[in-house]
């Protein structure tokens, strides 16, 4: 649907496009927030913020994108969405 609205989908967790910043996915909200903090206060401040809430992602599976999840997981999601 995004191309119909003039948008170009990309496989990024956080996208900065001119005066807009968007994030995709549940945990991307933390990445999104850290990007905002870095832009407003600097990278050192953002690193300190990340440390303060002990954000050290270590997912149990490498299945966060269709490319890494595998055909079976992608098919499962596609069927579930119908």
C-alpha atoms as a PDB file:
ATOM      1  CA  UNK A   1       0.000   0.000   0.000  1.00  0.00           C
ATOM      2  CA  UNK A   2       2.856   2.420   0.684  1.00  0.00           C
ATOM      3  CA  UNK A   3       3.815   2.922  -2.982  1.00  0.00           C
ATOM      4  CA  UNK A   4       0.206   3.940  -3.710  1.00  0.00           C
ATOM      5  CA  UNK A   5       0.726   6.829  -1.290  1.00  0.00           C
ATOM      6  CA  UNK A   6       4.038   7.883  -2.801  1.00  0.00           C
ATOM      7  CA  UNK A   7       6.248   6.191  -0.207  1.00  0.00           C
ATOM      8  CA  UNK A   8       9.162   3.886  -0.964  1.00  0.00           C
ATOM      9  CA  UNK A   9       9.333   0.945   1.482  1.00  0.00           C
ATOM     10  CA  UNK A  10      12.818   0.098   2.804  1.00  0.00           C
ATOM     11  CA  UNK A  11      14.107  -2.602   5.145  1.00  0.00           C
ATOM     12  CA  UNK A  12      15.278  -0.298   7.932  1.00  0.00           C
ATOM     13  CA  UNK A  13      14.203  -0.095  11.570  1.00  0.00           C
ATOM     14  CA  UNK A  14      14.468   3.693  11.656  1.00  0.00           C
ATOM     15  CA  UNK A  15      14.229   5.949   8.608  1.00  0.00           C
ATOM     16  CA  UNK A  16      15.090   9.639   8.598  1.00  0.00           C
ATOM     17  CA  UNK A  17      13.631  11.436   5.573  1.00  0.00           C
ATOM     18  CA  UNK A  18      13.939  15.223   5.610  1.00  0.00           C
ATOM     19  CA  UNK A  19      11.855  16.392   8.593  1.00  0.00           C
ATOM     20  CA  UNK A  20      10.293  12.992   9.312  1.00  0.00           C
ATOM     21  CA  UNK A  21      11.569  10.080  11.341  1.00  0.00           C
ATOM     22  CA  UNK A  22       9.698   6.777  11.310  1.00  0.00           C
ATOM     23  CA  UNK A  23      10.259   3.429  12.993  1.00  0.00           C
ATOM     24  CA  UNK A  24       8.912   0.011  12.129  1.00  0.00           C
ATOM     25  CA  UNK A  25       8.322  -2.902  14.441  1.00  0.00           C
ATOM     26  CA  UNK A  26       7.654  -3.164  18.157  1.00  0.00           C
ATOM     27  CA  UNK A  27      11.236  -3.040  19.417  1.00  0.00           C
ATOM     28  CA  UNK A  28      12.230  -0.475  16.808  1.00  0.00           C
ATOM     29  CA  UNK A  29      10.601   2.047  19.149  1.00  0.00           C
ATOM     30  CA  UNK A  30      13.691   1.874  21.352  1.00  0.00           C
ATOM     31  CA  UNK A  31      15.982   2.353  18.354  1.00  0.00           C
ATOM     32  CA  UNK A  32      13.745   5.218  17.211  1.00  0.00           C
ATOM     33  CA  UNK A  33      14.002   6.909  20.604  1.00  0.00           C
ATOM     34  CA  UNK A  34      17.779   6.558  20.703  1.00  0.00           C
ATOM     35  CA  UNK A  35      18.050   8.114  17.236  1.00  0.00           C
ATOM     36  CA  UNK A  36      15.978  11.072  18.443  1.00  0.00           C
ATOM     37  CA  UNK A  37      18.094  11.465  21.589  1.00  0.00           C
ATOM     38  CA  UNK A  38      21.282  11.338  19.510  1.00  0.00           C
ATOM     39  CA  UNK A  39      19.999  14.031  17.145  1.00  0.00           C
ATOM     40  CA  UNK A  40      18.849  16.287  19.978  1.00  0.00           C
ATOM     41  CA  UNK A  41      21.515  15.715  22.634  1.00  0.00           C
ATOM     42  CA  UNK A  42      24.397  13.929  20.881  1.00  0.00           C
ATOM     43  CA  UNK A  43      25.631  10.359  20.570  1.00  0.00           C
ATOM     44  CA  UNK A  44      27.346  10.266  23.980  1.00  0.00           C
ATOM     45  CA  UNK A  45      24.068  11.188  25.680  1.00  0.00           C
ATOM     46  CA  UNK A  46      22.202   8.552  23.634  1.00  0.00           C
ATOM     47  CA  UNK A  47      24.778   5.887  24.589  1.00  0.00           C
ATOM     48  CA  UNK A  48      24.357   6.797  28.249  1.00  0.00           C
ATOM     49  CA  UNK A  49      20.577   6.571  27.873  1.00  0.00           C
ATOM     50  CA  UNK A  50      20.885   3.141  26.245  1.00  0.00           C
ATOM     51  CA  UNK A  51      23.109   1.982  29.076  1.00  0.00           C
ATOM     52  CA  UNK A  52      20.730   3.360  31.713  1.00  0.00           C
ATOM     53  CA  UNK A  53      17.931   1.079  30.552  1.00  0.00           C
ATOM     54  CA  UNK A  54      20.291  -1.791  29.715  1.00  0.00           C
ATOM     55  CA  UNK A  55      19.150  -2.075  26.108  1.00  0.00           C
ATOM     56  CA  UNK A  56      21.387  -4.789  24.653  1.00  0.00           C
ATOM     57  CA  UNK A  57      19.261  -6.623  22.092  1.00  0.00           C
ATOM     58  CA  UNK A  58      19.940 -10.323  21.828  1.00  0.00           C
ATOM     59  CA  UNK A  59      16.953 -11.983  20.146  1.00  0.00           C
ATOM     60  CA  UNK A  60      16.686 -15.763  20.463  1.00  0.00           C
ATOM     61  CA  UNK A  61      16.170 -16.145  16.689  1.00  0.00           C
ATOM     62  CA  UNK A  62      17.402 -14.369  13.585  1.00  0.00           C
ATOM     63  CA  UNK A  63      13.877 -14.178  12.173  1.00  0.00           C
ATOM     64  CA  UNK A  64      13.102 -10.470  12.268  1.00  0.00           C
ATOM     65  CA  UNK A  65      12.813  -9.978   8.510  1.00  0.00           C
ATOM     66  CA  UNK A  66      11.334 -12.079   5.706  1.00  0.00           C
ATOM     67  CA  UNK A  67      14.863 -12.591   4.361  1.00  0.00           C
ATOM     68  CA  UNK A  68      16.138 -14.130   7.615  1.00  0.00           C
ATOM     69  CA  UNK A  69      12.988 -15.863   8.904  1.00  0.00           C
ATOM     70  CA  UNK A  70      12.787 -18.508   6.217  1.00  0.00           C
ATOM     71  CA  UNK A  71      10.052 -19.533   3.808  1.00  0.00           C
ATOM     72  CA  UNK A  72       8.037 -21.517   6.362  1.00  0.00           C
ATOM     73  CA  UNK A  73       7.717 -18.606   8.801  1.00  0.00           C
ATOM     74  CA  UNK A  74       6.874 -16.174   5.986  1.00  0.00           C
ATOM     75  CA  UNK A  75       4.168 -18.525   4.669  1.00  0.00           C
ATOM     76  CA  UNK A  76       2.740 -18.892   8.187  1.00  0.00           C
ATOM     77  CA  UNK A  77       2.444 -15.112   8.552  1.00  0.00           C
ATOM     78  CA  UNK A  78       0.927 -14.692   5.097  1.00  0.00           C
ATOM     79  CA  UNK A  79      -1.743 -17.338   5.802  1.00  0.00           C
ATOM     80  CA  UNK A  80      -2.477 -15.870   9.240  1.00  0.00           C
ATOM     81  CA  UNK A  81      -3.041 -12.415   7.738  1.00  0.00           C
ATOM     82  CA  UNK A  82      -5.804 -13.630   5.398  1.00  0.00           C
END
